[in-house]
Amino acid sequence: MKVNVYETIIYEVPANLKRSAEYVGGKLIITNERICFEPHSFNIQRKAIEIHFAEIKSLREAKVLWIIPNGLEIHLYKGEVYKFIMSKRIQIKKEIQAKIG
C-alpha cells in the first residue's frame, strides 16, 4: 500500500478477509483516509482492497462460527460486504465509526 503525503497510518493489524469459502490472510491497514487490506503473497486470492470512508454505509460486529467475537463487517453503499477477522476489533470499529460519522 502506498501512503500519500497527507495520510497517516492509525492501525496496522494482522487480519483475515472472508472471500466466499476461503479466509484470506493478510494485514488490515487503517489510515486517516481509508481502509486497505493487503493479502499475504502465498494466498490463492491475492487481490488487495481499498475502501474510502465515504463508501461505508455501516459497520457491524460479527462472530466466527457464531461464537468467537472477533469479526467486523463493513457494508458499502454499493451493496458489497467485507467481513474481517482481527484483534482490536472494538478499537478499529470506533476509529472507523468516527471517520464515517
Protein backbone atom coordinates (compact mmCIF):
# COMPACT_ATOMS: atom_id res chain seq x y z
CA MET A 1 0.00 0.00 0.00
CA LYS A 2 1.30 3.38 -0.94
CA VAL A 3 0.61 6.07 1.65
CA ASN A 4 0.23 9.58 0.28
CA VAL A 5 1.75 12.71 1.85
CA TYR A 6 -1.48 13.59 3.70
CA GLU A 7 -2.09 10.11 5.07
CA THR A 8 -1.26 8.72 8.49
CA ILE A 9 -1.42 5.04 9.42
CA ILE A 10 -3.56 4.66 12.54
CA TYR A 11 -3.76 0.85 12.81
CA GLU A 12 -1.93 -1.99 11.07
CA VAL A 13 -3.07 -5.40 12.30
CA PRO A 14 -2.96 -8.99 11.06
CA ALA A 15 -6.37 -9.90 9.67
CA ASN A 16 -8.28 -12.39 7.59
CA LEU A 17 -10.80 -11.43 4.93
CA LYS A 18 -13.65 -13.83 4.16
CA ARG A 19 -13.87 -14.33 0.41
CA SER A 20 -16.54 -16.94 -0.37
CA ALA A 21 -15.47 -20.11 1.47
CA GLU A 22 -11.85 -19.01 1.95
CA TYR A 23 -10.36 -16.81 4.65
CA VAL A 24 -7.54 -14.83 3.08
CA GLY A 25 -4.74 -13.92 5.47
CA GLY A 26 -3.01 -10.56 5.34
CA LYS A 27 -2.92 -7.23 7.09
CA LEU A 28 -5.57 -4.59 7.60
CA ILE A 29 -4.37 -1.01 7.47
CA ILE A 30 -6.49 1.88 8.72
CA THR A 31 -5.34 5.37 7.78
CA ASN A 32 -6.93 8.74 8.34
CA GLU A 33 -8.39 8.47 4.79
CA ARG A 34 -9.15 4.81 4.00
CA ILE A 35 -9.05 1.12 4.86
CA CYS A 36 -6.71 -1.21 2.96
CA PHE A 37 -6.34 -4.97 3.07
CA GLU A 38 -3.15 -6.50 1.71
CA PRO A 39 -3.19 -10.31 1.41
CA HIS A 40 -0.09 -12.39 2.00
CA SER A 41 1.65 -13.43 -1.21
CA PHE A 42 1.09 -17.15 -0.55
CA ASN A 43 -2.73 -16.88 -0.69
CA ILE A 44 -4.61 -18.14 -3.72
CA GLN A 45 -6.70 -14.96 -3.76
CA ARG A 46 -4.21 -12.08 -3.68
CA LYS A 47 -6.30 -9.08 -4.70
CA ALA A 48 -5.84 -6.14 -2.34
CA ILE A 49 -8.82 -3.97 -1.46
CA GLU A 50 -9.14 -0.30 -0.69
CA ILE A 51 -12.20 1.30 0.91
CA HIS A 52 -12.57 5.04 1.32
CA PHE A 53 -14.58 6.12 4.34
CA ALA A 54 -17.19 7.86 2.14
CA GLU A 55 -18.08 4.44 0.63
CA ILE A 56 -19.03 2.91 4.01
CA LYS A 57 -22.73 2.66 4.82
CA SER A 58 -22.45 0.80 8.13
CA LEU A 59 -20.34 -1.41 10.38
CA ARG A 60 -21.42 -4.48 12.29
CA GLU A 61 -19.60 -6.63 14.81
CA ALA A 62 -19.63 -10.28 13.80
CA LYS A 63 -18.70 -13.66 15.22
CA VAL A 64 -16.78 -16.52 13.67
CA LEU A 65 -18.65 -19.83 13.90
CA TRP A 66 -21.38 -17.91 15.77
CA ILE A 67 -19.30 -17.90 18.99
CA ILE A 68 -15.93 -16.15 18.59
CA PRO A 69 -16.42 -12.35 18.80
CA ASN A 70 -13.57 -11.14 16.58
CA GLY A 71 -15.24 -10.18 13.31
CA LEU A 72 -16.14 -6.86 11.77
CA GLU A 73 -18.41 -6.48 8.75
CA ILE A 74 -18.10 -3.39 6.59
CA HIS A 75 -21.18 -2.66 4.47
CA LEU A 76 -20.73 -0.34 1.49
CA TYR A 77 -23.38 1.82 -0.17
CA LYS A 78 -22.94 -0.10 -3.43
CA GLY A 79 -24.00 -3.34 -1.71
CA GLU A 80 -20.67 -5.03 -1.07
CA VAL A 81 -19.96 -6.52 2.35
CA TYR A 82 -16.46 -7.25 3.64
CA LYS A 83 -16.02 -9.46 6.69
CA PHE A 84 -12.70 -9.17 8.51
CA ILE A 85 -11.42 -11.29 11.38
CA MET A 86 -8.90 -9.48 13.58
CA SER A 87 -7.78 -8.44 17.02
CA LYS A 88 -8.57 -4.91 18.27
CA ARG A 89 -11.98 -5.13 16.61
CA ILE A 90 -13.67 -2.71 19.03
CA GLN A 91 -10.93 -0.05 18.76
CA ILE A 92 -10.87 -0.31 14.97
CA LYS A 93 -14.66 -0.12 14.76
CA LYS A 94 -14.65 3.04 16.90
CA GLU A 95 -11.96 4.62 14.73
CA ILE A 96 -13.85 3.87 11.51
CA GLN A 97 -17.16 4.97 13.03
CA ALA A 98 -15.60 8.32 13.96
CA LYS A 99 -14.48 8.79 10.35
CA ILE A 100 -17.85 7.95 8.77
CA GLY A 101 -19.96 9.85 11.30
